[in-house]
Amino acid sequence: MSLEERAKAVAKNIEGKVQEVMGDITGNQKDKIEGQIKQEEAAVRHAKEDLKDLAKDIVDRA
């Protein structure tokens, strides 16, 4: 597990949430959608790290 990659994913998620909320407040659909995309990107980064952890666990047990 890369703590650095997980931290980047958390930061991207927070950035996306803030951007989405700002888009809601200002009525800017582009910002809202870009914020949602950043949150999805963060979810993918977390899933990638989860898969790497799982693969490492499998290799360690073998």
N, C-alpha and C. Protein backbone atom coordinates (compact mmCIF):
# COMPACT_ATOMS: atom_id res chain seq x y z
N MET A 1 0.85 -1.17 0.00
CA MET A 1 0.00 0.00 0.00
C MET A 1 0.89 1.23 0.00
N SER A 2 0.57 2.11 -0.89
CA SER A 2 1.32 3.35 -0.94
C SER A 2 0.53 4.44 -0.22
N LEU A 3 1.06 4.82 0.92
CA LEU A 3 0.40 5.87 1.70
C LEU A 3 0.35 7.17 0.91
N GLU A 4 1.39 7.42 0.13
CA GLU A 4 1.43 8.64 -0.68
C GLU A 4 0.30 8.64 -1.71
N GLU A 5 0.06 7.51 -2.37
CA GLU A 5 -1.01 7.43 -3.36
C GLU A 5 -2.38 7.57 -2.71
N ARG A 6 -2.54 6.98 -1.54
CA ARG A 6 -3.82 7.11 -0.83
C ARG A 6 -4.05 8.57 -0.42
N ALA A 7 -3.00 9.24 0.01
CA ALA A 7 -3.12 10.65 0.40
C ALA A 7 -3.49 11.51 -0.82
N LYS A 8 -2.90 11.20 -1.96
CA LYS A 8 -3.25 11.93 -3.18
C LYS A 8 -4.71 11.71 -3.54
N ALA A 9 -5.19 10.49 -3.37
CA ALA A 9 -6.58 10.18 -3.67
C ALA A 9 -7.52 10.94 -2.74
N VAL A 10 -7.18 10.99 -1.47
CA VAL A 10 -8.01 11.73 -0.51
C VAL A 10 -8.02 13.21 -0.86
N ALA A 11 -6.87 13.75 -1.21
CA ALA A 11 -6.79 15.17 -1.59
C ALA A 11 -7.63 15.44 -2.83
N LYS A 12 -7.57 14.55 -3.81
CA LYS A 12 -8.34 14.71 -5.04
C LYS A 12 -9.83 14.65 -4.74
N ASN A 13 -10.22 13.76 -3.82
CA ASN A 13 -11.63 13.64 -3.44
C ASN A 13 -12.12 14.93 -2.77
N ILE A 14 -11.33 15.45 -1.86
CA ILE A 14 -11.71 16.69 -1.17
C ILE A 14 -11.80 17.84 -2.17
N GLU A 15 -10.82 17.92 -3.05
CA GLU A 15 -10.83 18.96 -4.08
C GLU A 15 -12.10 18.86 -4.94
N GLY A 16 -12.45 17.64 -5.29
CA GLY A 16 -13.65 17.43 -6.09
C GLY A 16 -14.92 17.81 -5.36
N LYS A 17 -15.00 17.47 -4.08
CA LYS A 17 -16.18 17.82 -3.29
C LYS A 17 -16.33 19.33 -3.18
N VAL A 18 -15.23 20.02 -2.93
CA VAL A 18 -15.27 21.48 -2.82
C VAL A 18 -15.71 22.08 -4.15
N GLN A 19 -15.14 21.60 -5.24
CA GLN A 19 -15.48 22.13 -6.55
C GLN A 19 -16.95 21.87 -6.88
N GLU A 20 -17.44 20.69 -6.53
CA GLU A 20 -18.85 20.38 -6.78
C GLU A 20 -19.77 21.30 -5.99
N VAL A 21 -19.45 21.51 -4.72
CA VAL A 21 -20.27 22.40 -3.89
C VAL A 21 -20.23 23.82 -4.42
N MET A 22 -19.05 24.29 -4.82
CA MET A 22 -18.94 25.63 -5.38
C MET A 22 -19.76 25.75 -6.66
N GLY A 23 -19.76 24.71 -7.44
CA GLY A 23 -20.58 24.70 -8.65
C GLY A 23 -22.06 24.78 -8.33
N ASP A 24 -22.47 24.08 -7.26
CA ASP A 24 -23.86 24.17 -6.81
C ASP A 24 -24.20 25.59 -6.36
N ILE A 25 -23.32 26.16 -5.57
CA ILE A 25 -23.57 27.49 -5.01
C ILE A 25 -23.65 28.55 -6.12
N THR A 26 -22.71 28.48 -7.05
CA THR A 26 -22.65 29.49 -8.11
C THR A 26 -23.54 29.17 -9.30
N GLY A 27 -24.05 27.95 -9.35
CA GLY A 27 -24.87 27.54 -10.48
C GLY A 27 -24.04 27.17 -11.71
N ASN A 28 -22.75 26.96 -11.52
CA ASN A 28 -21.84 26.63 -12.61
C ASN A 28 -21.82 25.11 -12.79
N GLN A 29 -22.53 24.63 -13.79
CA GLN A 29 -22.63 23.19 -14.04
C GLN A 29 -21.28 22.58 -14.38
N LYS A 30 -20.43 23.32 -15.10
CA LYS A 30 -19.11 22.80 -15.48
C LYS A 30 -18.29 22.48 -14.23
N ASP A 31 -18.27 23.40 -13.27
CA ASP A 31 -17.52 23.15 -12.03
C ASP A 31 -18.11 21.97 -11.27
N LYS A 32 -19.42 21.90 -11.23
CA LYS A 32 -20.07 20.80 -10.52
C LYS A 32 -19.68 19.45 -11.14
N ILE A 33 -19.73 19.37 -12.45
CA ILE A 33 -19.39 18.11 -13.14
C ILE A 33 -17.91 17.78 -12.99
N GLU A 34 -17.05 18.79 -13.12
CA GLU A 34 -15.62 18.55 -12.94
C GLU A 34 -15.32 18.07 -11.53
N GLY A 35 -16.01 18.60 -10.54
CA GLY A 35 -15.85 18.14 -9.17
C GLY A 35 -16.26 16.68 -9.00
N GLN A 36 -17.35 16.32 -9.65
CA GLN A 36 -17.80 14.92 -9.58
C GLN A 36 -16.79 13.99 -10.26
N ILE A 37 -16.22 14.45 -11.36
CA ILE A 37 -15.22 13.64 -12.06
C ILE A 37 -13.99 13.43 -11.18
N LYS A 38 -13.57 14.48 -10.48
CA LYS A 38 -12.42 14.35 -9.58
C LYS A 38 -12.70 13.35 -8.46
N GLN A 39 -13.92 13.34 -7.97
CA GLN A 39 -14.28 12.39 -6.93
C GLN A 39 -14.25 10.96 -7.47
N GLU A 40 -14.70 10.76 -8.70
CA GLU A 40 -14.63 9.44 -9.32
C GLU A 40 -13.19 9.01 -9.54
N GLU A 41 -12.35 9.95 -9.94
CA GLU A 41 -10.93 9.66 -10.12
C GLU A 41 -10.31 9.21 -8.79
N ALA A 42 -10.69 9.86 -7.72
CA ALA A 42 -10.19 9.48 -6.40
C ALA A 42 -10.64 8.07 -6.04
N ALA A 43 -11.88 7.74 -6.35
CA ALA A 43 -12.40 6.40 -6.06
C ALA A 43 -11.62 5.34 -6.84
N VAL A 44 -11.27 5.66 -8.09
CA VAL A 44 -10.49 4.73 -8.90
C VAL A 44 -9.09 4.55 -8.31
N ARG A 45 -8.50 5.64 -7.85
CA ARG A 45 -7.17 5.54 -7.22
C ARG A 45 -7.21 4.66 -5.97
N HIS A 46 -8.26 4.83 -5.17
CA HIS A 46 -8.41 3.98 -3.98
C HIS A 46 -8.57 2.51 -4.38
N ALA A 47 -9.38 2.25 -5.41
CA ALA A 47 -9.59 0.87 -5.86
C ALA A 47 -8.28 0.27 -6.36
N LYS A 48 -7.48 1.06 -7.06
CA LYS A 48 -6.18 0.58 -7.55
C LYS A 48 -5.29 0.18 -6.37
N GLU A 49 -5.26 1.01 -5.35
CA GLU A 49 -4.44 0.70 -4.18
C GLU A 49 -4.98 -0.54 -3.45
N ASP A 50 -6.30 -0.69 -3.40
CA ASP A 50 -6.89 -1.88 -2.79
C ASP A 50 -6.47 -3.14 -3.53
N LEU A 51 -6.47 -3.07 -4.86
CA LEU A 51 -6.05 -4.22 -5.66
C LEU A 51 -4.57 -4.54 -5.45
N LYS A 52 -3.75 -3.50 -5.35
CA LYS A 52 -2.33 -3.73 -5.09
C LYS A 52 -2.14 -4.39 -3.73
N ASP A 53 -2.90 -3.95 -2.73
CA ASP A 53 -2.82 -4.55 -1.39
C ASP A 53 -3.24 -6.02 -1.44
N LEU A 54 -4.33 -6.29 -2.16
CA LEU A 54 -4.82 -7.67 -2.28
C LEU A 54 -3.78 -8.56 -2.96
N ALA A 55 -3.19 -8.07 -4.04
CA ALA A 55 -2.18 -8.85 -4.75
C ALA A 55 -0.98 -9.13 -3.85
N LYS A 56 -0.58 -8.13 -3.09
CA LYS A 56 0.55 -8.33 -2.17
C LYS A 56 0.21 -9.37 -1.11
N ASP A 57 -1.00 -9.32 -0.57
CA ASP A 57 -1.42 -10.32 0.42
C ASP A 57 -1.41 -11.72 -0.16
N ILE A 58 -1.87 -11.86 -1.39
CA ILE A 58 -1.90 -13.18 -2.04
C ILE A 58 -0.48 -13.70 -2.23
N VAL A 59 0.40 -12.85 -2.69
CA VAL A 59 1.80 -13.25 -2.93
C VAL A 59 2.46 -13.61 -1.60
N ASP A 60 2.20 -12.84 -0.57
CA ASP A 60 2.79 -13.10 0.74
C ASP A 60 2.33 -14.43 1.32
N ARG A 61 1.09 -14.83 1.03
CA ARG A 61 0.57 -16.10 1.56
C ARG A 61 1.08 -17.31 0.79
N ALA A 62 1.55 -17.09 -0.44
CA ALA A 62 1.98 -18.21 -1.28
C ALA A 62 3.34 -18.73 -0.89
